[in-house]
N, C-alpha and C. Protein backbone atom coordinates (compact mmCIF):
# COMPACT_ATOMS: atom_id res chain seq x y z
N UNK A 1 116.61 60.48 106.10
CA UNK A 1 116.66 59.31 105.26
C UNK A 1 116.97 59.76 103.84
N UNK A 2 117.90 59.08 103.15
CA UNK A 2 118.19 59.46 101.75
C UNK A 2 116.97 59.21 100.86
N UNK A 3 117.00 59.77 99.65
CA UNK A 3 115.89 59.57 98.72
C UNK A 3 115.68 58.08 98.51
N UNK A 4 114.44 57.67 98.59
CA UNK A 4 114.10 56.26 98.40
C UNK A 4 113.86 56.01 96.92
N UNK A 5 114.90 55.61 96.23
CA UNK A 5 114.80 55.41 94.79
C UNK A 5 113.91 54.22 94.44
N UNK A 6 113.60 53.38 95.42
CA UNK A 6 112.72 52.23 95.16
C UNK A 6 111.25 52.58 95.36
N UNK A 7 110.94 53.82 95.76
CA UNK A 7 109.55 54.26 95.94
C UNK A 7 108.91 54.49 94.57
N UNK A 8 107.66 54.13 94.43
CA UNK A 8 107.01 54.28 93.13
C UNK A 8 106.74 55.75 92.78
N UNK A 9 106.89 56.66 93.75
CA UNK A 9 106.68 58.08 93.50
C UNK A 9 107.98 58.82 93.21
N UNK A 10 109.10 58.12 93.24
CA UNK A 10 110.41 58.72 92.93
C UNK A 10 110.60 58.71 91.42
N UNK A 11 111.10 59.83 90.88
CA UNK A 11 111.43 59.89 89.47
C UNK A 11 112.78 60.55 89.30
N UNK A 12 113.43 60.21 88.22
CA UNK A 12 114.73 60.76 87.90
C UNK A 12 114.75 61.08 86.42
N UNK A 13 115.29 62.25 86.07
CA UNK A 13 115.41 62.66 84.68
C UNK A 13 116.86 63.07 84.44
N UNK A 14 117.45 62.60 83.36
CA UNK A 14 118.79 63.02 82.98
C UNK A 14 118.66 63.84 81.70
N UNK A 15 119.20 65.05 81.72
CA UNK A 15 119.09 65.96 80.59
C UNK A 15 120.33 65.85 79.70
N UNK A 16 120.25 66.40 78.50
CA UNK A 16 121.35 66.32 77.54
C UNK A 16 122.63 66.92 78.10
N UNK A 17 122.51 67.89 78.98
CA UNK A 17 123.69 68.52 79.58
C UNK A 17 124.38 67.62 80.60
N UNK A 18 123.72 66.51 80.96
CA UNK A 18 124.26 65.61 81.96
C UNK A 18 123.70 65.86 83.34
N UNK A 19 122.95 66.95 83.50
CA UNK A 19 122.35 67.26 84.79
C UNK A 19 121.23 66.26 85.08
N UNK A 20 121.13 65.85 86.33
CA UNK A 20 120.14 64.87 86.73
C UNK A 20 119.19 65.51 87.74
N UNK A 21 117.89 65.37 87.50
CA UNK A 21 116.87 65.85 88.44
C UNK A 21 116.25 64.65 89.12
N UNK A 22 116.25 64.64 90.45
CA UNK A 22 115.65 63.56 91.23
C UNK A 22 114.58 64.19 92.11
N UNK A 23 113.37 63.61 92.08
CA UNK A 23 112.28 64.24 92.82
C UNK A 23 111.16 63.26 93.13
N UNK A 24 110.30 63.68 94.03
CA UNK A 24 109.08 62.95 94.38
C UNK A 24 107.96 63.56 93.55
N UNK A 25 107.25 62.74 92.77
CA UNK A 25 106.18 63.27 91.92
C UNK A 25 105.02 63.82 92.74
N UNK A 26 104.90 63.42 94.00
CA UNK A 26 103.85 63.93 94.87
C UNK A 26 104.30 65.19 95.60
N UNK A 27 105.54 65.60 95.40
CA UNK A 27 106.13 66.78 96.04
C UNK A 27 106.10 66.66 97.57
N UNK A 28 106.39 65.46 98.06
CA UNK A 28 106.40 65.22 99.51
C UNK A 28 107.81 65.19 100.08
N UNK A 29 108.82 65.43 99.26
CA UNK A 29 110.21 65.42 99.73
C UNK A 29 110.76 66.84 99.62
N UNK A 30 110.56 67.67 100.65
CA UNK A 30 110.99 69.07 100.57
C UNK A 30 112.50 69.23 100.44
N UNK A 31 113.27 68.20 100.80
CA UNK A 31 114.71 68.30 100.70
C UNK A 31 115.25 67.43 99.56
N UNK A 32 114.42 67.20 98.54
CA UNK A 32 114.88 66.47 97.36
C UNK A 32 115.96 67.30 96.69
N UNK A 33 116.94 66.75 96.11
CA UNK A 33 117.19 65.37 95.78
C UNK A 33 117.99 64.61 96.84
N UNK A 34 118.11 65.18 98.03
CA UNK A 34 118.97 64.56 99.02
C UNK A 34 118.23 63.66 100.00
N UNK A 35 117.05 64.07 100.45
CA UNK A 35 116.37 63.31 101.49
C UNK A 35 114.87 63.22 101.29
N UNK A 36 114.31 62.08 101.72
CA UNK A 36 112.86 61.87 101.84
C UNK A 36 112.52 62.04 103.32
N UNK A 37 111.28 62.38 103.62
CA UNK A 37 110.88 62.42 105.04
C UNK A 37 110.99 61.01 105.64
N UNK A 38 111.41 60.92 106.89
CA UNK A 38 111.56 59.63 107.54
C UNK A 38 110.25 58.84 107.60
N UNK A 39 109.16 59.54 107.83
CA UNK A 39 107.86 58.87 107.99
C UNK A 39 106.90 59.28 106.88
N UNK A 40 107.34 59.16 105.65
CA UNK A 40 106.52 59.58 104.50
C UNK A 40 105.24 58.75 104.47
N UNK A 41 104.07 59.41 104.46
CA UNK A 41 102.80 58.68 104.49
C UNK A 41 102.47 57.99 103.16
N UNK A 42 103.13 58.37 102.08
CA UNK A 42 102.80 57.83 100.77
C UNK A 42 103.87 56.90 100.21
N UNK A 43 104.83 56.50 101.03
CA UNK A 43 105.88 55.60 100.53
C UNK A 43 105.28 54.27 100.12
N UNK A 44 105.56 53.86 98.89
CA UNK A 44 105.14 52.55 98.39
C UNK A 44 106.28 52.00 97.56
N UNK A 45 106.69 50.81 97.88
CA UNK A 45 107.78 50.19 97.13
C UNK A 45 107.35 49.93 95.70
N UNK A 46 108.19 50.30 94.77
CA UNK A 46 107.93 50.08 93.36
C UNK A 46 108.03 48.58 93.09
N UNK A 47 106.99 48.01 92.52
CA UNK A 47 106.96 46.57 92.30
C UNK A 47 107.57 46.17 90.95
N UNK A 48 107.61 47.06 90.00
CA UNK A 48 108.03 46.70 88.65
C UNK A 48 109.48 46.26 88.58
N UNK A 49 110.35 46.81 89.41
CA UNK A 49 111.75 46.43 89.32
C UNK A 49 112.23 45.65 90.54
N UNK A 50 111.32 45.06 91.29
CA UNK A 50 111.71 44.25 92.45
C UNK A 50 112.43 43.00 91.96
N UNK A 51 113.64 42.81 92.43
CA UNK A 51 114.41 41.64 92.06
C UNK A 51 115.18 41.79 90.76
N UNK A 52 115.08 42.93 90.09
CA UNK A 52 115.83 43.12 88.86
C UNK A 52 117.28 43.45 89.21
N UNK A 53 118.15 43.17 88.30
CA UNK A 53 119.54 43.57 88.45
C UNK A 53 119.78 44.75 87.53
N UNK A 54 120.23 45.86 88.12
CA UNK A 54 120.47 47.07 87.34
C UNK A 54 121.92 47.11 86.88
N UNK A 55 122.11 47.52 85.64
CA UNK A 55 123.46 47.67 85.11
C UNK A 55 124.09 48.96 85.59
N UNK A 56 125.24 49.28 85.06
CA UNK A 56 125.93 50.48 85.50
C UNK A 56 125.47 51.73 84.76
N UNK A 57 124.54 51.61 83.82
CA UNK A 57 124.05 52.78 83.09
C UNK A 57 122.74 53.33 83.63
N UNK A 58 122.33 52.90 84.81
CA UNK A 58 121.02 53.28 85.33
C UNK A 58 120.99 54.74 85.74
N UNK A 59 121.61 55.11 86.83
CA UNK A 59 121.57 56.48 87.32
C UNK A 59 122.90 56.85 87.95
N UNK A 60 123.36 58.08 87.70
CA UNK A 60 124.59 58.51 88.36
C UNK A 60 124.39 58.63 89.87
N UNK A 61 125.46 58.65 90.58
CA UNK A 61 125.42 58.79 92.04
C UNK A 61 124.89 60.16 92.40
N UNK A 62 124.10 60.23 93.45
CA UNK A 62 123.54 61.50 93.91
C UNK A 62 124.68 62.36 94.45
N UNK A 63 124.68 63.62 94.05
CA UNK A 63 125.72 64.53 94.53
C UNK A 63 125.58 64.75 96.03
N UNK A 64 126.65 65.16 96.65
CA UNK A 64 126.66 65.34 98.11
C UNK A 64 125.74 66.49 98.51
N UNK A 65 125.11 66.33 99.64
CA UNK A 65 124.23 67.37 100.17
C UNK A 65 125.06 68.59 100.54
N UNK A 66 124.61 69.79 100.17
CA UNK A 66 125.41 70.99 100.46
C UNK A 66 125.47 71.29 101.95
N UNK A 67 126.59 71.84 102.38
CA UNK A 67 126.74 72.27 103.77
C UNK A 67 126.02 73.61 103.92
N UNK A 68 125.16 73.69 104.91
CA UNK A 68 124.38 74.91 105.11
C UNK A 68 124.89 75.65 106.33
N UNK A 69 125.16 76.95 106.15
CA UNK A 69 125.58 77.78 107.27
C UNK A 69 124.35 78.50 107.82
N UNK A 70 123.96 78.17 109.03
CA UNK A 70 122.86 78.87 109.69
C UNK A 70 121.50 78.62 109.07
N UNK A 71 121.29 77.54 108.40
CA UNK A 71 119.99 77.26 107.80
C UNK A 71 119.89 75.81 107.39
N UNK A 72 118.76 75.46 106.82
CA UNK A 72 118.60 74.09 106.37
C UNK A 72 118.24 74.09 104.89
N UNK A 73 118.22 72.94 104.30
CA UNK A 73 117.96 72.81 102.87
C UNK A 73 116.56 73.31 102.52
N UNK A 74 115.60 73.05 103.39
CA UNK A 74 114.22 73.49 103.12
C UNK A 74 114.14 75.01 102.97
N UNK A 75 114.85 75.75 103.83
CA UNK A 75 114.81 77.22 103.72
C UNK A 75 115.51 77.68 102.44
N UNK A 76 116.58 76.99 102.04
CA UNK A 76 117.25 77.32 100.78
C UNK A 76 116.31 77.10 99.60
N UNK A 77 115.59 75.98 99.60
CA UNK A 77 114.66 75.69 98.51
C UNK A 77 113.48 76.66 98.52
N UNK A 78 113.02 77.07 99.71
CA UNK A 78 111.95 78.07 99.79
C UNK A 78 112.41 79.40 99.19
N UNK A 79 113.65 79.79 99.47
CA UNK A 79 114.19 81.03 98.92
C UNK A 79 114.28 80.95 97.40
N UNK A 80 114.72 79.79 96.88
CA UNK A 80 114.81 79.61 95.43
C UNK A 80 113.42 79.66 94.79
N UNK A 81 112.43 79.09 95.46
CA UNK A 81 111.07 79.12 94.94
C UNK A 81 110.54 80.55 94.89
N UNK A 82 110.88 81.36 95.88
CA UNK A 82 110.45 82.76 95.87
C UNK A 82 111.05 83.51 94.69
N UNK A 83 112.32 83.25 94.37
CA UNK A 83 112.96 83.90 93.23
C UNK A 83 112.23 83.55 91.94
N UNK A 84 111.90 82.28 91.79
CA UNK A 84 111.19 81.84 90.58
C UNK A 84 109.81 82.48 90.52
N UNK A 85 109.10 82.52 91.64
CA UNK A 85 107.76 83.11 91.66
C UNK A 85 107.80 84.60 91.34
N UNK A 86 108.87 85.29 91.74
CA UNK A 86 108.98 86.71 91.43
C UNK A 86 109.32 86.94 89.97
N UNK A 87 110.08 86.02 89.37
CA UNK A 87 110.48 86.19 87.97
C UNK A 87 109.41 85.72 87.00
N UNK A 88 108.54 84.83 87.42
CA UNK A 88 107.56 84.23 86.52
C UNK A 88 106.61 85.23 85.86
N UNK A 89 106.02 86.19 86.60
CA UNK A 89 105.08 87.10 85.93
C UNK A 89 105.72 87.92 84.81
N UNK A 90 106.94 88.43 85.03
CA UNK A 90 107.58 89.22 83.98
C UNK A 90 107.98 88.35 82.80
N UNK A 91 108.42 87.12 83.07
CA UNK A 91 108.77 86.21 81.97
C UNK A 91 107.54 85.85 81.17
N UNK A 92 106.42 85.64 81.85
CA UNK A 92 105.17 85.32 81.17
C UNK A 92 104.69 86.50 80.33
N UNK A 93 104.78 87.70 80.87
CA UNK A 93 104.38 88.90 80.13
C UNK A 93 105.27 89.09 78.90
N UNK A 94 106.55 88.84 79.05
CA UNK A 94 107.48 88.95 77.92
C UNK A 94 107.14 87.94 76.83
N UNK A 95 106.82 86.72 77.22
CA UNK A 95 106.46 85.69 76.25
C UNK A 95 105.17 86.05 75.53
N UNK A 96 104.19 86.58 76.26
CA UNK A 96 102.92 86.97 75.63
C UNK A 96 103.13 88.13 74.66
N UNK A 97 103.99 89.08 75.03
CA UNK A 97 104.27 90.21 74.14
C UNK A 97 104.96 89.72 72.87
N UNK A 98 105.89 88.80 73.00
CA UNK A 98 106.58 88.24 71.84
C UNK A 98 105.58 87.51 70.94
N UNK A 99 104.65 86.80 71.56
CA UNK A 99 103.64 86.07 70.79
C UNK A 99 102.74 87.04 70.03
N UNK A 100 102.36 88.14 70.67
CA UNK A 100 101.51 89.13 70.01
C UNK A 100 102.23 89.78 68.82
N UNK A 101 103.53 90.05 68.98
CA UNK A 101 104.31 90.66 67.89
C UNK A 101 104.45 89.71 66.72
N UNK A 102 104.52 88.43 66.99
CA UNK A 102 104.75 87.47 65.92
C UNK A 102 103.47 87.07 65.19
N UNK A 103 102.32 87.43 65.73
CA UNK A 103 101.06 87.09 65.04
C UNK A 103 100.99 87.83 63.71
N UNK A 104 100.63 87.12 62.68
CA UNK A 104 100.49 87.73 61.37
C UNK A 104 101.79 87.77 60.58
N UNK A 105 102.89 87.35 61.16
CA UNK A 105 104.16 87.36 60.43
C UNK A 105 104.53 85.97 59.96
N UNK A 106 103.63 85.03 60.11
CA UNK A 106 103.94 83.64 59.79
C UNK A 106 103.94 83.33 58.30
N UNK A 107 104.33 82.12 57.98
CA UNK A 107 104.41 81.65 56.61
C UNK A 107 103.04 81.62 55.94
N UNK A 108 102.03 81.23 56.68
CA UNK A 108 100.69 81.10 56.12
C UNK A 108 99.82 82.29 56.51
N UNK A 109 100.32 83.47 56.25
CA UNK A 109 99.60 84.69 56.60
C UNK A 109 98.32 84.81 55.76
N UNK A 110 97.25 85.17 56.41
CA UNK A 110 95.98 85.32 55.69
C UNK A 110 95.96 86.66 54.96
N UNK A 111 95.44 86.61 53.76
CA UNK A 111 95.31 87.83 52.97
C UNK A 111 93.86 88.02 52.57
N UNK A 112 93.48 89.26 52.47
CA UNK A 112 92.13 89.55 52.02
C UNK A 112 92.04 89.31 50.52
N UNK A 113 90.96 88.69 50.15
CA UNK A 113 90.72 88.48 48.71
C UNK A 113 89.96 89.68 48.18
N UNK A 114 90.40 90.15 47.03
CA UNK A 114 89.71 91.31 46.44
C UNK A 114 89.00 90.98 45.18
């Protein structure tokens, strides 16, 4: 089943670069942004925009689902998540080191009074 954009748990973000992120805020759509589970236990129709007419500036069309050779989208997303999890500790350590180096170099540096 395609992403249910009328579900109250569906969100979409458009960034300055034009890239659009579509996702389930409950993280129940492992194949987002292309598909929701057929029998999602938390599907609830969004009531706020029921019966509204949307203009052409609402959301761009969802890009086509990629063709997978010998695998499925869930395994691709799992592999991408592993890459991020492996990179996160070193990125965090680098950020902490940068923060430690910058301490005391600020505009409002404290000085000892003599």
